[in-house]
Amino acid sequence: MIKLLTVDEVAALLRRSPAQLRYMRGQGTAPPSAKIAGRIMFREEEVLAYIEAQFAPPAQAA
């Protein structure tokens, strides 16, 4: 079963305010989201993958 998270829940996970998360969405730097029944929702698995990706070592230039 897919667990959906609200803006407030994701903001808390990222230790950001909901306003900061909305700004990140506008900049394209937030986890993927969708508008469902008029609310912005995030898949928990995608938020966790986004957090993990932030800890990945930077790609080496060739």
PDB file of N, CA and C in Angstrom:
ATOM      1  N   MET A   1       0.841  -1.177   0.000  1.00  0.00           N
ATOM      2  CA  MET A   1       0.000   0.000   0.000  1.00  0.00           C
ATOM      3  C   MET A   1       0.887   1.242   0.000  1.00  0.00           C
ATOM      4  N   ILE A   2       0.509   2.213  -0.792  1.00  0.00           N
ATOM      5  CA  ILE A   2       1.259   3.457  -0.899  1.00  0.00           C
ATOM      6  C   ILE A   2       0.854   4.388   0.241  1.00  0.00           C
ATOM      7  N   LYS A   3       1.852   4.900   0.949  1.00  0.00           N
ATOM      8  CA  LYS A   3       1.571   5.857   2.010  1.00  0.00           C
ATOM      9  C   LYS A   3       1.835   7.254   1.460  1.00  0.00           C
ATOM     10  N   LEU A   4       0.823   8.114   1.558  1.00  0.00           N
ATOM     11  CA  LEU A   4       0.951   9.484   1.088  1.00  0.00           C
ATOM     12  C   LEU A   4       1.179  10.414   2.267  1.00  0.00           C
ATOM     13  N   LEU A   5       2.039  11.404   2.051  1.00  0.00           N
ATOM     14  CA  LEU A   5       2.370  12.376   3.085  1.00  0.00           C
ATOM     15  C   LEU A   5       1.938  13.771   2.647  1.00  0.00           C
ATOM     16  N   THR A   6       1.549  14.583   3.603  1.00  0.00           N
ATOM     17  CA  THR A   6       1.146  15.955   3.329  1.00  0.00           C
ATOM     18  C   THR A   6       2.371  16.871   3.319  1.00  0.00           C
ATOM     19  N   VAL A   7       2.162  18.104   2.906  1.00  0.00           N
ATOM     20  CA  VAL A   7       3.232  19.102   2.919  1.00  0.00           C
ATOM     21  C   VAL A   7       3.784  19.251   4.340  1.00  0.00           C
ATOM     22  N   ASP A   8       2.909  19.328   5.323  1.00  0.00           N
ATOM     23  CA  ASP A   8       3.364  19.483   6.707  1.00  0.00           C
ATOM     24  C   ASP A   8       4.216  18.305   7.162  1.00  0.00           C
ATOM     25  N   GLU A   9       3.828  17.090   6.806  1.00  0.00           N
ATOM     26  CA  GLU A   9       4.579  15.895   7.211  1.00  0.00           C
ATOM     27  C   GLU A   9       5.957  15.856   6.556  1.00  0.00           C
ATOM     28  N   VAL A  10       6.011  16.180   5.263  1.00  0.00           N
ATOM     29  CA  VAL A  10       7.296  16.165   4.556  1.00  0.00           C
ATOM     30  C   VAL A  10       8.193  17.289   5.068  1.00  0.00           C
ATOM     31  N   ALA A  11       7.608  18.448   5.300  1.00  0.00           N
ATOM     32  CA  ALA A  11       8.386  19.567   5.837  1.00  0.00           C
ATOM     33  C   ALA A  11       9.021  19.169   7.172  1.00  0.00           C
ATOM     34  N   ALA A  12       8.277  18.477   8.013  1.00  0.00           N
ATOM     35  CA  ALA A  12       8.810  18.033   9.294  1.00  0.00           C
ATOM     36  C   ALA A  12       9.961  17.040   9.095  1.00  0.00           C
ATOM     37  N   LEU A  13       9.818  16.109   8.151  1.00  0.00           N
ATOM     38  CA  LEU A  13      10.894  15.143   7.875  1.00  0.00           C
ATOM     39  C   LEU A  13      12.163  15.842   7.401  1.00  0.00           C
ATOM     40  N   LEU A  14      11.994  16.893   6.595  1.00  0.00           N
ATOM     41  CA  LEU A  14      13.136  17.608   6.039  1.00  0.00           C
ATOM     42  C   LEU A  14      13.621  18.734   6.956  1.00  0.00           C
ATOM     43  N   ARG A  15      12.917  18.915   8.066  1.00  0.00           N
ATOM     44  CA  ARG A  15      13.230  19.982   9.018  1.00  0.00           C
ATOM     45  C   ARG A  15      13.202  21.348   8.340  1.00  0.00           C
ATOM     46  N   ARG A  16      12.145  21.551   7.573  1.00  0.00           N
ATOM     47  CA  ARG A  16      11.886  22.808   6.886  1.00  0.00           C
ATOM     48  C   ARG A  16      10.475  23.243   7.236  1.00  0.00           C
ATOM     49  N   SER A  17      10.176  24.495   7.013  1.00  0.00           N
ATOM     50  CA  SER A  17       8.804  24.954   7.212  1.00  0.00           C
ATOM     51  C   SER A  17       7.993  24.568   5.985  1.00  0.00           C
ATOM     52  N   PRO A  18       6.684  24.474   6.116  1.00  0.00           N
ATOM     53  CA  PRO A  18       5.856  24.207   4.934  1.00  0.00           C
ATOM     54  C   PRO A  18       6.081  25.241   3.830  1.00  0.00           C
ATOM     55  N   ALA A  19       6.293  26.498   4.201  1.00  0.00           N
ATOM     56  CA  ALA A  19       6.549  27.540   3.198  1.00  0.00           C
ATOM     57  C   ALA A  19       7.861  27.264   2.455  1.00  0.00           C
ATOM     58  N   GLN A  20       8.889  26.818   3.165  1.00  0.00           N
ATOM     59  CA  GLN A  20      10.161  26.490   2.517  1.00  0.00           C
ATOM     60  C   GLN A  20       9.988  25.320   1.553  1.00  0.00           C
ATOM     61  N   LEU A  21       9.189  24.327   1.951  1.00  0.00           N
ATOM     62  CA  LEU A  21       8.948  23.183   1.080  1.00  0.00           C
ATOM     63  C   LEU A  21       8.191  23.621  -0.170  1.00  0.00           C
ATOM     64  N   ARG A  22       7.230  24.507  -0.028  1.00  0.00           N
ATOM     65  CA  ARG A  22       6.506  25.019  -1.196  1.00  0.00           C
ATOM     66  C   ARG A  22       7.462  25.760  -2.140  1.00  0.00           C
ATOM     67  N   TYR A  23       8.384  26.530  -1.574  1.00  0.00           N
ATOM     68  CA  TYR A  23       9.379  27.226  -2.375  1.00  0.00           C
ATOM     69  C   TYR A  23      10.259  26.213  -3.117  1.00  0.00           C
ATOM     70  N   MET A  24      10.690  25.168  -2.410  1.00  0.00           N
ATOM     71  CA  MET A  24      11.502  24.121  -3.039  1.00  0.00           C
ATOM     72  C   MET A  24      10.749  23.479  -4.201  1.00  0.00           C
ATOM     73  N   ARG A  25       9.447  23.252  -4.032  1.00  0.00           N
ATOM     74  CA  ARG A  25       8.637  22.684  -5.125  1.00  0.00           C
ATOM     75  C   ARG A  25       8.667  23.605  -6.327  1.00  0.00           C
ATOM     76  N   GLY A  26       8.541  24.897  -6.093  1.00  0.00           N
ATOM     77  CA  GLY A  26       8.567  25.868  -7.180  1.00  0.00           C
ATOM     78  C   GLY A  26       9.905  25.912  -7.901  1.00  0.00           C
ATOM     79  N   GLN A  27      10.983  25.675  -7.162  1.00  0.00           N
ATOM     80  CA  GLN A  27      12.335  25.664  -7.724  1.00  0.00           C
ATOM     81  C   GLN A  27      12.681  24.324  -8.368  1.00  0.00           C
ATOM     82  N   GLY A  28      11.862  23.303  -8.109  1.00  0.00           N
ATOM     83  CA  GLY A  28      12.134  21.969  -8.650  1.00  0.00           C
ATOM     84  C   GLY A  28      13.167  21.191  -7.843  1.00  0.00           C
ATOM     85  N   THR A  29      13.377  21.584  -6.580  1.00  0.00           N
ATOM     86  CA  THR A  29      14.389  20.907  -5.761  1.00  0.00           C
ATOM     87  C   THR A  29      13.784  20.045  -4.652  1.00  0.00           C
ATOM     88  N   ALA A  30      12.466  19.922  -4.629  1.00  0.00           N
ATOM     89  CA  ALA A  30      11.775  19.116  -3.614  1.00  0.00           C
ATOM     90  C   ALA A  30      11.532  17.705  -4.150  1.00  0.00           C
ATOM     91  N   PRO A  31      11.189  16.790  -3.266  1.00  0.00           N
ATOM     92  CA  PRO A  31      10.801  15.454  -3.728  1.00  0.00           C
ATOM     93  C   PRO A  31       9.591  15.549  -4.661  1.00  0.00           C
ATOM     94  N   PRO A  32       9.407  14.559  -5.545  1.00  0.00           N
ATOM     95  CA  PRO A  32       8.255  14.571  -6.443  1.00  0.00           C
ATOM     96  C   PRO A  32       6.935  14.615  -5.668  1.00  0.00           C
ATOM     97  N   SER A  33       5.975  15.342  -6.212  1.00  0.00           N
ATOM     98  CA  SER A  33       4.673  15.472  -5.561  1.00  0.00           C
ATOM     99  C   SER A  33       3.576  15.499  -6.611  1.00  0.00           C
ATOM    100  N   ALA A  34       2.342  15.388  -6.151  1.00  0.00           N
ATOM    101  CA  ALA A  34       1.182  15.441  -7.041  1.00  0.00           C
ATOM    102  C   ALA A  34       0.027  16.085  -6.292  1.00  0.00           C
ATOM    103  N   LYS A  35      -0.855  16.712  -7.039  1.00  0.00           N
ATOM    104  CA  LYS A  35      -2.050  17.282  -6.436  1.00  0.00           C
ATOM    105  C   LYS A  35      -3.144  16.224  -6.509  1.00  0.00           C
ATOM    106  N   ILE A  36      -3.612  15.799  -5.352  1.00  0.00           N
ATOM    107  CA  ILE A  36      -4.636  14.760  -5.254  1.00  0.00           C
ATOM    108  C   ILE A  36      -5.783  15.317  -4.433  1.00  0.00           C
ATOM    109  N   ALA A  37      -6.955  15.350  -5.027  1.00  0.00           N
ATOM    110  CA  ALA A  37      -8.149  15.870  -4.358  1.00  0.00           C
ATOM    111  C   ALA A  37      -7.908  17.272  -3.802  1.00  0.00           C
ATOM    112  N   GLY A  38      -7.158  18.085  -4.561  1.00  0.00           N
ATOM    113  CA  GLY A  38      -6.928  19.461  -4.167  1.00  0.00           C
ATOM    114  C   GLY A  38      -5.807  19.681  -3.175  1.00  0.00           C
ATOM    115  N   ARG A  39      -5.112  18.609  -2.788  1.00  0.00           N
ATOM    116  CA  ARG A  39      -4.011  18.733  -1.815  1.00  0.00           C
ATOM    117  C   ARG A  39      -2.719  18.232  -2.437  1.00  0.00           C
ATOM    118  N   ILE A  40      -1.618  18.887  -2.099  1.00  0.00           N
ATOM    119  CA  ILE A  40      -0.306  18.431  -2.549  1.00  0.00           C
ATOM    120  C   ILE A  40       0.098  17.255  -1.667  1.00  0.00           C
ATOM    121  N   MET A  41       0.419  16.138  -2.315  1.00  0.00           N
ATOM    122  CA  MET A  41       0.785  14.920  -1.598  1.00  0.00           C
ATOM    123  C   MET A  41       2.109  14.382  -2.134  1.00  0.00           C
ATOM    124  N   PHE A  42       2.820  13.685  -1.268  1.00  0.00           N
ATOM    125  CA  PHE A  42       4.104  13.080  -1.599  1.00  0.00           C
ATOM    126  C   PHE A  42       4.033  11.601  -1.259  1.00  0.00           C
ATOM    127  N   ARG A  43       4.635  10.753  -2.085  1.00  0.00           N
ATOM    128  CA  ARG A  43       4.762   9.331  -1.742  1.00  0.00           C
ATOM    129  C   ARG A  43       5.896   9.188  -0.738  1.00  0.00           C
ATOM    130  N   GLU A  44       5.627   8.478   0.352  1.00  0.00           N
ATOM    131  CA  GLU A  44       6.636   8.308   1.390  1.00  0.00           C
ATOM    132  C   GLU A  44       7.924   7.713   0.822  1.00  0.00           C
ATOM    133  N   GLU A  45       7.813   6.715  -0.043  1.00  0.00           N
ATOM    134  CA  GLU A  45       8.994   6.058  -0.592  1.00  0.00           C
ATOM    135  C   GLU A  45       9.848   7.040  -1.408  1.00  0.00           C
ATOM    136  N   GLU A  46       9.201   7.965  -2.125  1.00  0.00           N
ATOM    137  CA  GLU A  46       9.956   8.936  -2.916  1.00  0.00           C
ATOM    138  C   GLU A  46      10.624   9.982  -2.029  1.00  0.00           C
ATOM    139  N   VAL A  47       9.988  10.341  -0.935  1.00  0.00           N
ATOM    140  CA  VAL A  47      10.593  11.289   0.005  1.00  0.00           C
ATOM    141  C   VAL A  47      11.826  10.650   0.643  1.00  0.00           C
ATOM    142  N   LEU A  48      11.706   9.390   1.050  1.00  0.00           N
ATOM    143  CA  LEU A  48      12.852   8.695   1.657  1.00  0.00           C
ATOM    144  C   LEU A  48      13.986   8.532   0.645  1.00  0.00           C
ATOM    145  N   ALA A  49      13.658   8.246  -0.622  1.00  0.00           N
ATOM    146  CA  ALA A  49      14.687   8.129  -1.663  1.00  0.00           C
ATOM    147  C   ALA A  49      15.358   9.482  -1.907  1.00  0.00           C
ATOM    148  N   TYR A  50      14.578  10.546  -1.861  1.00  0.00           N
ATOM    149  CA  TYR A  50      15.124  11.905  -2.011  1.00  0.00           C
ATOM    150  C   TYR A  50      16.130  12.192  -0.896  1.00  0.00           C
ATOM    151  N   ILE A  51      15.785  11.838   0.334  1.00  0.00           N
ATOM    152  CA  ILE A  51      16.689  12.061   1.462  1.00  0.00           C
ATOM    153  C   ILE A  51      17.972  11.242   1.277  1.00  0.00           C
ATOM    154  N   GLU A  52      17.846   9.979   0.904  1.00  0.00           N
ATOM    155  CA  GLU A  52      19.026   9.127   0.677  1.00  0.00           C
ATOM    156  C   GLU A  52      19.917   9.703  -0.411  1.00  0.00           C
ATOM    157  N   ALA A  53      19.314  10.213  -1.478  1.00  0.00           N
ATOM    158  CA  ALA A  53      20.084  10.762  -2.601  1.00  0.00           C
ATOM    159  C   ALA A  53      20.911  11.970  -2.172  1.00  0.00           C
ATOM    160  N   GLN A  54      20.469  12.681  -1.160  1.00  0.00           N
ATOM    161  CA  GLN A  54      21.217  13.843  -0.688  1.00  0.00           C
ATOM    162  C   GLN A  54      22.536  13.438  -0.035  1.00  0.00           C
ATOM    163  N   PHE A  55      22.618  12.199   0.409  1.00  0.00           N
ATOM    164  CA  PHE A  55      23.841  11.700   1.050  1.00  0.00           C
ATOM    165  C   PHE A  55      24.758  10.973   0.081  1.00  0.00           C
ATOM    166  N   ALA A  56      24.342  10.813  -1.164  1.00  0.00           N
ATOM    167  CA  ALA A  56      25.161  10.130  -2.158  1.00  0.00           C
ATOM    168  C   ALA A  56      26.374  10.989  -2.492  1.00  0.00           C
ATOM    169  N   PRO A  57      27.524  10.354  -2.719  1.00  0.00           N
ATOM    170  CA  PRO A  57      28.709  11.139  -3.077  1.00  0.00           C
ATOM    171  C   PRO A  57      28.487  11.825  -4.437  1.00  0.00           C
ATOM    172  N   PRO A  58      29.067  12.992  -4.639  1.00  0.00           N
ATOM    173  CA  PRO A  58      28.886  13.690  -5.902  1.00  0.00           C
ATOM    174  C   PRO A  58      29.516  12.899  -7.060  1.00  0.00           C
ATOM    175  N   ALA A  59      28.920  13.032  -8.227  1.00  0.00           N
ATOM    176  CA  ALA A  59      29.438  12.345  -9.404  1.00  0.00           C
ATOM    177  C   ALA A  59      30.790  12.956  -9.788  1.00  0.00           C
ATOM    178  N   GLN A  60      31.728  12.103 -10.182  1.00  0.00           N
ATOM    179  CA  GLN A  60      33.061  12.552 -10.576  1.00  0.00           C
ATOM    180  C   GLN A  60      33.042  12.983 -12.040  1.00  0.00           C
ATOM    181  N   ALA A  61      33.619  14.134 -12.326  1.00  0.00           N
ATOM    182  CA  ALA A  61      33.723  14.602 -13.705  1.00  0.00           C
ATOM    183  C   ALA A  61      34.830  13.834 -14.405  1.00  0.00           C
ATOM    184  N   ALA A  62      34.603  13.482 -15.669  1.00  0.00           N
ATOM    185  CA  ALA A  62      35.593  12.707 -16.421  1.00  0.00           C
ATOM    186  C   ALA A  62      36.612  13.582 -17.078  1.00  0.00           C
TER     187      ALA A  62
END
